[in-house]
């Protein structure tokens, strides 16, 4: 697997990578949307990434610091509503599966603030997205998924991924 950072779309709270594996090329990004920053600024960053990767498969791992029923939280807050509208208006797909396992947790509490999104180019290739029970080096859980590509004569390439934001 060959992974290259795309520096023109990367910054302090965002990194975009190009991933190549067995003839498959796609993009992956990890984004942190800090709670103390206007989420509209973060939408500009995501929009830049969407423009740069247009027509290619894209997966986005996001620490949203936003709450929404769409990604298993019990209620939607203002940030969540704004993020919902952005996701819908850009034809992005939420691939998180509903789970009782929170994506974030500390001794002070837990929540479902981490999102895994993809564009329509990649949506039909995602299999088995789930939140693992094991933690990572951060207070966020690891999100597990597979990306399945059919090549030429029906050969299947499975790319197993895990992300933590």
C-alpha atoms as a PDB file:
ATOM      1  CA  UNK A   1       0.000   0.000   0.000  1.00  0.00           C
ATOM      2  CA  UNK A   2       1.333   3.409  -0.985  1.00  0.00           C
ATOM      3  CA  UNK A   3       0.044   6.403   0.988  1.00  0.00           C
ATOM      4  CA  UNK A   4       0.989   9.973   0.069  1.00  0.00           C
ATOM      5  CA  UNK A   5       0.050  13.125   2.001  1.00  0.00           C
ATOM      6  CA  UNK A   6      -1.523  15.796  -0.182  1.00  0.00           C
ATOM      7  CA  UNK A   7      -0.035  18.883   1.419  1.00  0.00           C
ATOM      8  CA  UNK A   8      -2.054  21.539  -0.434  1.00  0.00           C
ATOM      9  CA  UNK A   9      -5.222  20.254   1.300  1.00  0.00           C
ATOM     10  CA  UNK A  10      -3.634  19.460   4.668  1.00  0.00           C
ATOM     11  CA  UNK A  11      -3.363  21.763   7.651  1.00  0.00           C
ATOM     12  CA  UNK A  12      -3.322  21.724  11.449  1.00  0.00           C
ATOM     13  CA  UNK A  13      -6.697  19.962  11.828  1.00  0.00           C
ATOM     14  CA  UNK A  14      -6.910  18.148   8.482  1.00  0.00           C
ATOM     15  CA  UNK A  15      -4.789  15.734   6.507  1.00  0.00           C
ATOM     16  CA  UNK A  16      -5.633  14.420   3.060  1.00  0.00           C
ATOM     17  CA  UNK A  17      -3.900  11.320   1.739  1.00  0.00           C
ATOM     18  CA  UNK A  18      -3.896   9.529  -1.579  1.00  0.00           C
ATOM     19  CA  UNK A  19      -3.978   5.749  -1.152  1.00  0.00           C
ATOM     20  CA  UNK A  20      -2.860   3.339  -3.881  1.00  0.00           C
ATOM     21  CA  UNK A  21      -3.215  -0.413  -3.506  1.00  0.00           C
ATOM     22  CA  UNK A  22      -3.164  -3.090  -6.226  1.00  0.00           C
ATOM     23  CA  UNK A  23      -4.147  -0.644  -8.953  1.00  0.00           C
ATOM     24  CA  UNK A  24      -6.842   1.031  -6.836  1.00  0.00           C
ATOM     25  CA  UNK A  25      -6.567   4.749  -6.068  1.00  0.00           C
ATOM     26  CA  UNK A  26      -8.688   6.580  -3.510  1.00  0.00           C
ATOM     27  CA  UNK A  27      -8.379   9.420  -1.036  1.00  0.00           C
ATOM     28  CA  UNK A  28      -8.729   9.443   2.728  1.00  0.00           C
ATOM     29  CA  UNK A  29      -8.852  12.360   5.099  1.00  0.00           C
ATOM     30  CA  UNK A  30      -8.855  12.825   8.843  1.00  0.00           C
ATOM     31  CA  UNK A  31     -10.440  16.016  10.142  1.00  0.00           C
ATOM     32  CA  UNK A  32     -10.858  17.552  13.574  1.00  0.00           C
ATOM     33  CA  UNK A  33     -13.626  20.157  13.835  1.00  0.00           C
ATOM     34  CA  UNK A  34     -12.809  21.874  17.144  1.00  0.00           C
ATOM     35  CA  UNK A  35     -15.790  22.723  19.353  1.00  0.00           C
ATOM     36  CA  UNK A  36     -14.510  26.252  19.938  1.00  0.00           C
ATOM     37  CA  UNK A  37     -14.255  27.165  16.241  1.00  0.00           C
ATOM     38  CA  UNK A  38     -17.031  28.217  13.881  1.00  0.00           C
ATOM     39  CA  UNK A  39     -17.978  25.067  11.970  1.00  0.00           C
ATOM     40  CA  UNK A  40     -18.502  27.119   8.796  1.00  0.00           C
ATOM     41  CA  UNK A  41     -14.711  27.576   8.604  1.00  0.00           C
ATOM     42  CA  UNK A  42     -14.332  23.805   8.668  1.00  0.00           C
ATOM     43  CA  UNK A  43     -16.838  23.469   5.836  1.00  0.00           C
ATOM     44  CA  UNK A  44     -14.476  25.536   3.668  1.00  0.00           C
ATOM     45  CA  UNK A  45     -11.695  23.007   4.344  1.00  0.00           C
ATOM     46  CA  UNK A  46     -13.960  20.071   3.510  1.00  0.00           C
ATOM     47  CA  UNK A  47     -15.147  21.847   0.356  1.00  0.00           C
ATOM     48  CA  UNK A  48     -11.519  22.275  -0.772  1.00  0.00           C
ATOM     49  CA  UNK A  49     -10.950  18.534  -0.243  1.00  0.00           C
ATOM     50  CA  UNK A  50     -14.122  17.655  -2.170  1.00  0.00           C
ATOM     51  CA  UNK A  51     -13.030  19.836  -5.097  1.00  0.00           C
ATOM     52  CA  UNK A  52      -9.506  18.397  -5.139  1.00  0.00           C
ATOM     53  CA  UNK A  53     -10.766  14.788  -5.130  1.00  0.00           C
ATOM     54  CA  UNK A  54     -13.759  15.238  -7.452  1.00  0.00           C
ATOM     55  CA  UNK A  55     -14.512  12.039  -9.392  1.00  0.00           C
ATOM     56  CA  UNK A  56     -12.314   9.896  -7.134  1.00  0.00           C
ATOM     57  CA  UNK A  57     -13.261   7.721  -4.152  1.00  0.00           C
ATOM     58  CA  UNK A  58     -13.061   9.666  -0.888  1.00  0.00           C
ATOM     59  CA  UNK A  59     -13.492   8.616   2.728  1.00  0.00           C
ATOM     60  CA  UNK A  60     -13.590  11.202   5.516  1.00  0.00           C
ATOM     61  CA  UNK A  61     -12.937  10.407   9.177  1.00  0.00           C
ATOM     62  CA  UNK A  62     -14.207  13.333  11.220  1.00  0.00           C
ATOM     63  CA  UNK A  63     -14.083  14.254  14.896  1.00  0.00           C
ATOM     64  CA  UNK A  64     -17.113  16.504  14.446  1.00  0.00           C
ATOM     65  CA  UNK A  65     -17.740  17.696  17.997  1.00  0.00           C
ATOM     66  CA  UNK A  66     -21.341  17.812  16.770  1.00  0.00           C
ATOM     67  CA  UNK A  67     -24.329  15.814  17.903  1.00  0.00           C
ATOM     68  CA  UNK A  68     -27.017  14.430  15.631  1.00  0.00           C
ATOM     69  CA  UNK A  69     -29.581  11.680  15.558  1.00  0.00           C
ATOM     70  CA  UNK A  70     -28.224  10.832  12.100  1.00  0.00           C
ATOM     71  CA  UNK A  71     -25.075   9.441  13.709  1.00  0.00           C
ATOM     72  CA  UNK A  72     -26.583   7.769  16.765  1.00  0.00           C
ATOM     73  CA  UNK A  73     -26.694  10.651  19.234  1.00  0.00           C
ATOM     74  CA  UNK A  74     -29.963  10.984  21.154  1.00  0.00           C
ATOM     75  CA  UNK A  75     -30.511  14.617  20.133  1.00  0.00           C
ATOM     76  CA  UNK A  76     -29.273  17.103  17.543  1.00  0.00           C
ATOM     77  CA  UNK A  77     -27.488  20.325  18.521  1.00  0.00           C
ATOM     78  CA  UNK A  78     -26.862  23.453  16.404  1.00  0.00           C
ATOM     79  CA  UNK A  79     -23.486  22.224  15.143  1.00  0.00           C
ATOM     80  CA  UNK A  80     -25.066  18.880  14.301  1.00  0.00           C
ATOM     81  CA  UNK A  81     -27.845  20.516  12.298  1.00  0.00           C
ATOM     82  CA  UNK A  82     -25.325  22.602  10.332  1.00  0.00           C
ATOM     83  CA  UNK A  83     -23.206  19.511   9.638  1.00  0.00           C
ATOM     84  CA  UNK A  84     -26.288  17.497   8.583  1.00  0.00           C
ATOM     85  CA  UNK A  85     -27.165  20.192   6.046  1.00  0.00           C
ATOM     86  CA  UNK A  86     -23.604  20.296   4.720  1.00  0.00           C
ATOM     87  CA  UNK A  87     -23.453  16.496   4.354  1.00  0.00           C
ATOM     88  CA  UNK A  88     -26.785  16.362   2.524  1.00  0.00           C
ATOM     89  CA  UNK A  89     -26.005  19.323   0.242  1.00  0.00           C
ATOM     90  CA  UNK A  90     -22.698  17.717  -0.845  1.00  0.00           C
ATOM     91  CA  UNK A  91     -24.196  14.232  -1.460  1.00  0.00           C
ATOM     92  CA  UNK A  92     -21.961  12.672   1.175  1.00  0.00           C
ATOM     93  CA  UNK A  93     -22.918   9.346   2.739  1.00  0.00           C
ATOM     94  CA  UNK A  94     -22.729   8.620   6.478  1.00  0.00           C
ATOM     95  CA  UNK A  95     -21.339   5.104   6.787  1.00  0.00           C
ATOM     96  CA  UNK A  96     -21.343   4.887  10.574  1.00  0.00           C
ATOM     97  CA  UNK A  97     -23.649   2.113  11.648  1.00  0.00           C
ATOM     98  CA  UNK A  98     -25.945   2.634  14.624  1.00  0.00           C
ATOM     99  CA  UNK A  99     -24.252   1.141  17.656  1.00  0.00           C
ATOM    100  CA  UNK A 100     -24.403   1.151  21.414  1.00  0.00           C
ATOM    101  CA  UNK A 101     -20.639   1.674  21.477  1.00  0.00           C
ATOM    102  CA  UNK A 102     -19.811   5.405  21.726  1.00  0.00           C
ATOM    103  CA  UNK A 103     -17.039   6.624  19.423  1.00  0.00           C
ATOM    104  CA  UNK A 104     -15.556   8.891  22.113  1.00  0.00           C
ATOM    105  CA  UNK A 105     -15.164   8.338  25.819  1.00  0.00           C
ATOM    106  CA  UNK A 106     -13.294   9.573  28.871  1.00  0.00           C
ATOM    107  CA  UNK A 107     -13.849   9.206  32.603  1.00  0.00           C
ATOM    108  CA  UNK A 108     -16.044  12.352  32.327  1.00  0.00           C
ATOM    109  CA  UNK A 109     -18.466  10.878  29.796  1.00  0.00           C
ATOM    110  CA  UNK A 110     -18.958   9.489  26.326  1.00  0.00           C
ATOM    111  CA  UNK A 111     -20.602  10.431  23.025  1.00  0.00           C
ATOM    112  CA  UNK A 112     -21.053   9.619  19.344  1.00  0.00           C
ATOM    113  CA  UNK A 113     -19.242  12.606  17.797  1.00  0.00           C
ATOM    114  CA  UNK A 114     -17.041  10.785  15.287  1.00  0.00           C
ATOM    115  CA  UNK A 115     -18.270  10.351  11.737  1.00  0.00           C
ATOM    116  CA  UNK A 116     -17.097   8.273   8.841  1.00  0.00           C
ATOM    117  CA  UNK A 117     -18.349   9.669   5.533  1.00  0.00           C
ATOM    118  CA  UNK A 118     -17.711   8.852   1.905  1.00  0.00           C
ATOM    119  CA  UNK A 119     -18.678  10.257  -1.457  1.00  0.00           C
ATOM    120  CA  UNK A 120     -20.989   8.501  -3.912  1.00  0.00           C
ATOM    121  CA  UNK A 121     -18.013   7.231  -5.911  1.00  0.00           C
ATOM    122  CA  UNK A 122     -16.960   5.079  -2.954  1.00  0.00           C
ATOM    123  CA  UNK A 123     -20.328   4.390  -1.270  1.00  0.00           C
ATOM    124  CA  UNK A 124     -21.149   1.076  -2.983  1.00  0.00           C
ATOM    125  CA  UNK A 125     -17.701  -0.286  -2.154  1.00  0.00           C
ATOM    126  CA  UNK A 126     -17.821   0.185   1.647  1.00  0.00           C
ATOM    127  CA  UNK A 127     -18.547  -2.961   3.656  1.00  0.00           C
ATOM    128  CA  UNK A 128     -19.010  -3.523   7.378  1.00  0.00           C
ATOM    129  CA  UNK A 129     -18.342  -0.174   9.001  1.00  0.00           C
ATOM    130  CA  UNK A 130     -18.354  -0.546  12.787  1.00  0.00           C
ATOM    131  CA  UNK A 131     -16.999   0.994  15.952  1.00  0.00           C
ATOM    132  CA  UNK A 132     -14.486  -1.235  17.670  1.00  0.00           C
ATOM    133  CA  UNK A 133     -14.530  -1.629  21.425  1.00  0.00           C
ATOM    134  CA  UNK A 134     -10.812  -1.077  21.761  1.00  0.00           C
ATOM    135  CA  UNK A 135      -9.494   2.389  22.275  1.00  0.00           C
ATOM    136  CA  UNK A 136      -6.707   4.091  20.416  1.00  0.00           C
ATOM    137  CA  UNK A 137      -3.914   6.373  21.539  1.00  0.00           C
ATOM    138  CA  UNK A 138      -6.594   9.089  21.817  1.00  0.00           C
ATOM    139  CA  UNK A 139      -9.956   9.080  23.636  1.00  0.00           C
ATOM    140  CA  UNK A 140     -11.673   8.002  20.397  1.00  0.00           C
ATOM    141  CA  UNK A 141     -12.520   4.464  19.350  1.00  0.00           C
ATOM    142  CA  UNK A 142     -11.221   2.902  16.174  1.00  0.00           C
ATOM    143  CA  UNK A 143     -13.714   2.779  13.296  1.00  0.00           C
ATOM    144  CA  UNK A 144     -13.321  -0.373  11.183  1.00  0.00           C
ATOM    145  CA  UNK A 145     -14.422  -0.876   7.567  1.00  0.00           C
ATOM    146  CA  UNK A 146     -13.577  -2.619   4.310  1.00  0.00           C
ATOM    147  CA  UNK A 147     -13.471  -1.203   0.800  1.00  0.00           C
ATOM    148  CA  UNK A 148     -14.210  -3.742  -1.930  1.00  0.00           C
ATOM    149  CA  UNK A 149     -13.132  -3.246  -5.553  1.00  0.00           C
ATOM    150  CA  UNK A 150     -13.958  -5.603  -8.429  1.00  0.00           C
ATOM    151  CA  UNK A 151     -11.231  -5.771 -10.999  1.00  0.00           C
ATOM    152  CA  UNK A 152     -11.344  -7.029 -14.609  1.00  0.00           C
ATOM    153  CA  UNK A 153     -12.499 -10.646 -14.407  1.00  0.00           C
ATOM    154  CA  UNK A 154     -14.285 -10.364 -11.079  1.00  0.00           C
ATOM    155  CA  UNK A 155     -11.199 -10.332  -8.832  1.00  0.00           C
ATOM    156  CA  UNK A 156     -12.019  -8.645  -5.538  1.00  0.00           C
ATOM    157  CA  UNK A 157      -9.594  -6.405  -3.694  1.00  0.00           C
ATOM    158  CA  UNK A 158     -10.525  -5.774  -0.072  1.00  0.00           C
ATOM    159  CA  UNK A 159      -8.840  -2.851   1.614  1.00  0.00           C
ATOM    160  CA  UNK A 160      -9.354  -3.085   5.356  1.00  0.00           C
ATOM    161  CA  UNK A 161      -9.156   0.216   7.119  1.00  0.00           C
ATOM    162  CA  UNK A 162      -9.392   1.595  10.557  1.00  0.00           C
ATOM    163  CA  UNK A 163      -9.459   5.207  11.515  1.00  0.00           C
ATOM    164  CA  UNK A 164      -9.403   7.170  14.666  1.00  0.00           C
ATOM    165  CA  UNK A 165      -9.787  10.916  14.772  1.00  0.00           C
END
